[in-house]
Protein backbone atom coordinates (compact mmCIF):
# COMPACT_ATOMS: atom_id res chain seq x y z
CA MET A 1 1.81 19.90 -0.93
CA GLY A 2 -0.04 18.08 1.82
CA LEU A 3 -2.72 15.44 1.49
CA LEU A 4 -6.08 17.13 1.16
CA SER A 5 -8.45 14.31 2.03
CA GLU A 6 -9.32 10.63 1.91
CA LEU A 7 -12.30 9.91 -0.35
CA LYS A 8 -14.78 7.05 -0.33
CA LEU A 9 -16.85 6.86 -3.51
CA THR A 10 -19.91 4.62 -3.59
CA VAL A 11 -20.15 1.90 -6.26
CA PRO A 12 -22.71 -0.94 -6.56
CA TRP A 13 -20.37 -3.49 -4.92
CA GLY A 14 -19.26 -1.18 -2.06
CA HIS A 15 -16.84 1.72 -2.39
CA ILE A 16 -13.74 2.91 -4.22
CA ALA A 17 -11.19 4.52 -1.90
CA ALA A 18 -9.06 7.42 -3.08
CA LYS A 19 -6.86 10.19 -1.74
CA ALA A 20 -6.74 13.78 -2.94
CA TRP A 21 -4.02 16.44 -2.99
CA GLY A 22 -3.69 19.97 -4.28
CA SER A 23 -6.23 22.64 -5.14
CA LEU A 24 -9.88 21.64 -5.38
CA ARG A 25 -10.44 24.31 -8.02
CA GLY A 26 -7.41 23.25 -10.08
CA PRO A 27 -7.46 21.16 -13.28
CA PRO A 28 -8.19 17.54 -12.23
CA VAL A 29 -5.69 14.68 -12.60
CA LEU A 30 -6.70 11.07 -11.89
CA CYS A 31 -3.80 8.82 -10.85
CA LEU A 32 -3.95 5.05 -11.45
CA HIS A 33 -1.59 2.68 -9.64
CA GLY A 34 0.05 -0.47 -10.96
CA TRP A 35 -0.89 -4.13 -10.50
CA LEU A 36 -1.33 -5.17 -6.84
CA ASP A 37 -0.20 -1.70 -5.67
CA ASN A 38 -2.45 1.06 -4.28
CA ALA A 39 -2.89 4.83 -4.18
CA ASN A 40 0.18 5.26 -1.92
CA SER A 41 2.16 4.59 -5.10
CA PHE A 42 1.91 8.35 -5.76
CA ASP A 43 2.75 9.62 -2.24
CA ARG A 44 6.27 10.66 -3.17
CA LEU A 45 5.61 12.01 -6.66
CA ILE A 46 2.50 14.17 -6.23
CA PRO A 47 3.98 16.59 -3.63
CA LEU A 48 6.66 17.45 -6.24
CA LEU A 49 4.14 18.27 -8.99
CA PRO A 50 2.52 21.70 -9.63
CA GLN A 51 0.36 22.58 -6.63
CA ASP A 52 -2.40 24.34 -8.56
CA PHE A 53 -3.79 21.02 -9.88
CA TYR A 54 -6.24 18.69 -8.11
CA TYR A 55 -4.83 15.15 -7.91
CA VAL A 56 -6.94 12.13 -7.01
CA ALA A 57 -5.23 8.73 -6.67
CA MET A 58 -7.74 5.86 -6.49
CA ASP A 59 -7.37 2.28 -5.28
CA PHE A 60 -8.65 -0.11 -7.94
CA GLY A 61 -11.33 -2.55 -6.76
CA GLY A 62 -9.82 -5.37 -4.68
CA HIS A 63 -6.69 -3.25 -3.99
CA GLY A 64 -5.71 -0.92 -1.13
CA LEU A 65 -8.74 0.27 0.83
CA SER A 66 -11.31 -0.31 -1.93
CA SER A 67 -14.05 -2.93 -1.63
CA HIS A 68 -13.52 -6.36 -3.16
CA TYR A 69 -15.81 -7.36 -6.01
CA GLY A 70 -18.79 -9.53 -5.11
CA PRO A 71 -18.63 -13.34 -5.19
CA GLY A 72 -18.12 -14.72 -8.69
CA ALA A 73 -17.29 -11.36 -10.31
CA PRO A 74 -14.02 -11.43 -12.28
CA TYR A 75 -11.27 -8.79 -12.23
CA TYR A 76 -10.82 -8.12 -15.92
CA HIS A 77 -9.15 -5.16 -17.65
CA GLN A 78 -12.51 -3.79 -18.79
CA ASN A 79 -13.82 -3.77 -15.20
CA PHE A 80 -11.02 -1.44 -14.11
CA VAL A 81 -11.80 0.88 -17.05
CA ASN A 82 -15.42 0.83 -15.85
CA GLU A 83 -14.23 1.84 -12.35
CA VAL A 84 -12.50 4.93 -13.78
CA ARG A 85 -15.75 5.95 -15.48
CA ARG A 86 -17.65 5.54 -12.20
CA VAL A 87 -15.06 7.50 -10.21
CA VAL A 88 -15.05 10.49 -12.57
CA ALA A 89 -18.87 10.46 -12.59
CA ALA A 90 -18.85 10.55 -8.77
CA LEU A 91 -16.33 13.42 -8.86
CA LYS A 92 -18.43 15.19 -11.55
CA TRP A 93 -15.44 15.59 -13.88
CA SER A 94 -16.18 15.98 -17.57
CA ARG A 95 -12.59 16.59 -18.74
CA PHE A 96 -9.40 15.71 -16.90
CA SER A 97 -5.87 14.32 -17.19
CA LEU A 98 -4.88 10.72 -16.46
CA MET A 99 -1.59 9.52 -15.02
CA GLY A 100 -1.02 5.77 -14.81
CA HIS A 101 1.89 3.66 -13.61
CA SER A 102 2.39 0.32 -15.36
CA PHE A 103 -0.99 -1.50 -15.39
CA GLY A 104 -2.63 1.81 -14.45
CA GLY A 105 -1.33 3.08 -17.80
CA PHE A 106 -3.11 0.24 -19.64
CA VAL A 107 -6.36 1.14 -17.89
CA GLY A 108 -5.90 4.87 -18.45
CA SER A 109 -5.07 4.38 -22.12
CA MET A 110 -8.06 2.14 -22.77
CA PHE A 111 -10.29 4.69 -21.03
CA SER A 112 -8.78 7.53 -23.10
CA CYS A 113 -9.50 5.68 -26.35
CA ILE A 114 -13.09 4.73 -25.36
CA PHE A 115 -13.91 8.21 -23.95
CA PRO A 116 -11.53 10.41 -25.98
CA GLU A 117 -13.46 13.64 -25.35
CA MET A 118 -12.96 13.31 -21.58
CA VAL A 119 -9.14 13.13 -21.44
CA ASP A 120 -6.91 16.05 -22.32
CA LYS A 121 -3.56 14.62 -21.19
CA LEU A 122 -2.42 11.02 -20.71
CA ILE A 123 0.78 10.33 -18.76
CA LEU A 124 2.21 6.79 -18.80
CA LEU A 125 4.84 6.00 -16.16
CA ASP A 126 6.96 3.07 -17.32
CA GLY A 127 4.08 1.46 -19.14
CA THR A 128 2.78 1.27 -22.67
CA PRO A 129 -0.78 2.13 -23.74
CA PHE A 130 -1.71 -1.50 -24.40
CA ALA A 131 -0.41 -5.04 -23.95
CA MET A 132 0.30 -6.45 -27.40
CA ASP A 133 -0.61 -9.97 -28.48
CA THR A 134 2.39 -10.28 -30.83
CA ASP A 135 4.71 -11.48 -28.03
CA GLU A 136 2.08 -13.61 -26.33
CA MET A 137 0.25 -15.48 -29.07
CA GLU A 138 1.09 -18.95 -27.77
CA ASN A 139 0.05 -17.99 -24.22
CA LEU A 140 -3.28 -16.23 -24.74
CA LEU A 141 -5.56 -19.20 -24.20
CA THR A 142 -3.42 -20.49 -21.33
CA TYR A 143 -3.84 -17.15 -19.53
CA LYS A 144 -7.62 -17.28 -19.95
CA ARG A 145 -7.72 -20.84 -18.65
CA ARG A 146 -5.50 -20.08 -15.65
CA ALA A 147 -7.53 -16.99 -14.79
CA ILE A 148 -10.68 -19.11 -14.46
CA GLU A 149 -8.93 -21.95 -12.63
CA HIS A 150 -7.23 -19.60 -10.16
CA VAL A 151 -10.53 -18.02 -9.08
CA LEU A 152 -12.21 -21.42 -8.67
CA GLN A 153 -9.25 -22.58 -6.59
CA VAL A 154 -9.39 -19.53 -4.28
CA GLU A 155 -13.15 -19.96 -3.86
CA ALA A 156 -12.77 -23.65 -3.05
CA SER A 157 -9.91 -23.23 -0.56
CA GLN A 158 -11.84 -20.99 1.90
CA LYS A 159 -8.56 -20.46 3.77
CA PRO A 160 -8.47 -17.38 6.01
CA PRO A 161 -5.87 -14.77 4.96
CA ARG A 162 -2.39 -15.35 6.38
CA VAL A 163 -1.56 -13.27 9.46
CA VAL A 164 2.14 -12.45 9.68
CA SER A 165 4.36 -9.95 11.48
CA PRO A 166 4.83 -6.58 9.70
CA GLU A 167 8.51 -7.45 9.20
CA GLU A 168 7.75 -10.82 7.58
CA MET A 169 5.16 -9.15 5.36
CA LEU A 170 7.68 -6.51 4.27
CA GLN A 171 10.42 -9.06 3.53
CA GLY A 172 8.02 -11.20 1.49
CA PHE A 173 6.86 -8.12 -0.41
CA LEU A 174 10.42 -6.99 -1.18
CA LYS A 175 11.36 -10.50 -2.32
CA ASN A 176 8.52 -10.49 -4.85
CA ASN A 177 9.11 -6.88 -5.93
CA SER A 178 12.81 -6.48 -6.60
CA HIS A 179 12.33 -2.94 -8.00
CA VAL A 180 10.79 -1.59 -4.78
CA GLY A 181 13.12 -0.31 -2.05
CA GLU A 182 12.38 -0.83 1.64
CA GLU A 183 10.94 2.64 2.26
CA CYS A 184 8.62 2.39 -0.75
CA GLY A 185 7.64 -1.14 0.25
CA LYS A 186 6.58 0.12 3.68
CA LEU A 187 4.58 2.90 2.02
CA LEU A 188 2.65 0.49 -0.21
CA LEU A 189 2.02 -1.95 2.66
CA GLN A 190 0.74 0.88 4.86
CA ARG A 191 -2.34 1.05 2.64
CA GLY A 192 -2.15 -2.55 1.41
CA THR A 193 -2.43 -4.28 4.80
CA THR A 194 -4.62 -4.21 7.91
CA GLN A 195 -3.23 -4.53 11.41
CA GLY A 196 -4.89 -7.15 13.57
CA ALA A 197 -4.30 -8.37 17.12
CA THR A 198 -1.59 -10.88 16.12
CA GLY A 199 -0.09 -9.29 13.01
CA VAL A 200 -1.00 -7.90 9.59
CA VAL A 201 -3.05 -9.27 6.69
CA LEU A 202 -3.02 -8.24 3.04
CA ASN A 203 -6.04 -6.19 2.02
CA ARG A 204 -6.06 -7.18 -1.62
CA ASP A 205 -8.50 -9.71 -2.99
CA ARG A 206 -6.78 -13.07 -3.34
CA ARG A 207 -8.72 -13.74 -6.53
CA ILE A 208 -6.38 -11.24 -8.20
CA SER A 209 -3.21 -13.02 -9.26
CA TRP A 210 -1.04 -12.53 -12.35
CA PRO A 211 -1.69 -9.40 -14.44
CA GLN A 212 -1.59 -11.44 -17.66
CA TYR A 213 -4.81 -13.15 -16.53
CA SER A 214 -6.64 -9.81 -16.61
CA PHE A 215 -5.04 -8.04 -19.58
CA ASP A 216 -6.79 -7.38 -22.84
CA PHE A 217 -4.05 -8.22 -25.34
CA VAL A 218 -4.49 -6.34 -28.61
CA SER A 219 -3.27 -6.83 -32.16
CA ARG A 220 -1.23 -4.23 -34.06
CA GLU A 221 -4.36 -3.35 -36.03
CA VAL A 222 -6.43 -2.75 -32.88
CA PHE A 223 -3.54 -0.77 -31.35
CA THR A 224 -3.30 1.52 -34.39
CA ASN A 225 -7.06 2.03 -34.56
CA SER A 226 -7.26 2.79 -30.83
CA ILE A 227 -4.46 5.38 -30.94
CA GLN A 228 -6.29 7.07 -33.84
CA GLN A 229 -9.25 7.68 -31.49
CA LEU A 230 -7.15 9.53 -28.90
CA GLN A 231 -7.74 13.25 -28.47
CA ALA A 232 -5.32 13.54 -25.56
CA ARG A 233 -1.72 14.64 -25.61
CA VAL A 234 0.42 11.71 -24.48
CA LEU A 235 3.62 11.62 -22.42
CA LEU A 236 5.36 8.25 -22.08
CA VAL A 237 8.08 8.23 -19.41
CA LYS A 238 10.18 5.10 -19.79
CA ALA A 239 12.54 3.89 -17.07
CA ALA A 240 15.86 2.76 -18.57
CA GLN A 241 15.86 -0.42 -16.44
CA GLY A 242 12.08 -0.65 -16.38
CA TYR A 243 9.36 -3.17 -17.07
CA SER A 244 9.97 -3.94 -20.74
CA ASP A 245 13.70 -4.40 -20.14
CA VAL A 246 13.39 -6.95 -17.33
CA ARG A 247 10.46 -8.87 -18.75
CA ARG A 248 12.19 -10.35 -21.77
CA GLU A 249 15.77 -11.14 -22.61
CA ASP A 250 15.05 -11.63 -26.31
CA GLY A 251 14.44 -8.83 -28.80
CA ALA A 252 10.69 -9.41 -29.25
CA ASN A 253 9.79 -6.87 -26.61
CA THR A 254 12.06 -4.19 -28.09
CA GLU A 255 10.54 -4.69 -31.52
CA THR A 256 7.01 -4.36 -30.09
CA LEU A 257 7.95 -1.23 -28.13
CA MET A 258 9.46 0.30 -31.28
CA PHE A 259 6.27 -0.48 -33.20
CA MET A 260 4.17 1.25 -30.52
CA LEU A 261 6.41 4.32 -30.35
CA ASP A 262 6.57 4.66 -34.16
CA THR A 263 2.79 4.30 -34.45
CA MET A 264 2.13 6.92 -31.78
CA ARG A 265 4.65 9.33 -33.34
CA SER A 266 3.11 9.01 -36.77
CA ILE A 267 -0.53 9.32 -35.61
CA LEU A 268 -0.24 11.80 -32.71
CA LYS A 269 2.69 13.81 -34.14
CA GLU A 270 3.45 16.73 -31.76
CA ARG A 271 0.82 15.44 -29.31
CA PHE A 272 3.20 12.59 -28.37
CA GLN A 273 6.25 12.96 -26.17
CA PHE A 274 8.63 10.14 -25.21
CA VAL A 275 11.23 10.59 -22.48
CA GLN A 276 13.61 7.98 -21.08
CA ILE A 277 15.00 8.48 -17.58
CA PRO A 278 17.45 6.43 -15.49
CA GLY A 279 15.85 4.10 -12.96
CA ASN A 280 13.78 0.95 -12.63
CA HIS A 281 10.06 0.15 -12.88
CA TYR A 282 9.31 2.04 -9.62
CA VAL A 283 11.33 5.14 -10.49
CA HIS A 284 8.27 7.32 -9.68
CA MET A 285 8.65 6.17 -6.06
CA ASN A 286 12.41 5.60 -5.84
CA ALA A 287 13.50 8.83 -7.58
CA PRO A 288 10.32 10.91 -7.86
CA HIS A 289 12.17 14.15 -8.67
CA LEU A 290 13.35 12.64 -11.99
CA VAL A 291 9.76 11.89 -12.94
CA ALA A 292 8.44 15.23 -11.63
CA ASN A 293 10.98 17.10 -13.79
CA VAL A 294 9.36 15.61 -16.89
CA VAL A 295 5.71 15.44 -15.79
CA SER A 296 5.42 18.98 -14.35
CA PRO A 297 6.17 20.90 -17.57
CA PHE A 298 3.91 18.51 -19.51
CA LEU A 299 1.00 19.14 -17.13
CA GLN A 300 1.55 22.89 -17.30
CA SER A 301 1.98 23.08 -21.05
CA LYS A 302 -0.91 24.66 -22.92
CA ARG A 303 -1.99 23.27 -26.25
CA ARG A 304 -0.76 25.54 -29.00
CA ILE A 305 -3.72 27.00 -30.87
CA PRO A 306 -3.03 27.10 -34.61
CA ALA A 307 -2.90 30.62 -36.00
CA GLN A 308 -6.10 31.76 -37.69
CA LEU A 309 -5.84 31.47 -41.46
């Protein structure tokens, strides 16, 4: 399945860039990339998915080819949810499926809980629906403080973006992203950098730093209440050596994951599907066929209509 087109959707601060594959008349699927990535994150997976769907992968604001936010505007979780609402309005979609990798899953899940009538299927690729506060209680205020300080620092520094050779850029990227192989690194940098006369520069907004600074951390109570709002069917594809396994060595993360899975099973019942596959946090890029084998039947499955009484 070849790339259909590059899209440029107007927003008040500029534009949101996106790329589309598949059949324009097919059921729509919006694809949301992870933190500091871009729409190329889905280049290897989407061609393996059913061709009679219409896939649009967007670059979040400040990422990929999308405009940066205006001066002084923060990049918070809620802003990215707002971007999804603007994109689907521009595309004139009233009901669609969402597929999010990592942070894209947080954004997609929050959107699906706020606008439950708009989302029929929610696919989470090595991510959970929300970031929980239970593991982070002692850090929450520190994150908020650092988020503010980081932006002020970037604004004050006024340093031009670093220009480096493509090779140096790739090596630096791979060093900071141990789960991304060289080929996938090149793919992400293709859309994440701009070639100049003397080398390449990163496209992303330097005001965006650690994901924790932008997350909305939620309590168990908020998590449960949010999942109760969902109308979508949910597929969570967990990589065996994925995000939650590398982030913490202690058992806190496992306990939180178990709480989330148990809550979703008990509330969503047969609308929730959990599948674990071998691979790391970027398994959708490194071994896309493994992910496609799980996602394709889920996309194609029809909701069973209960027999008339």
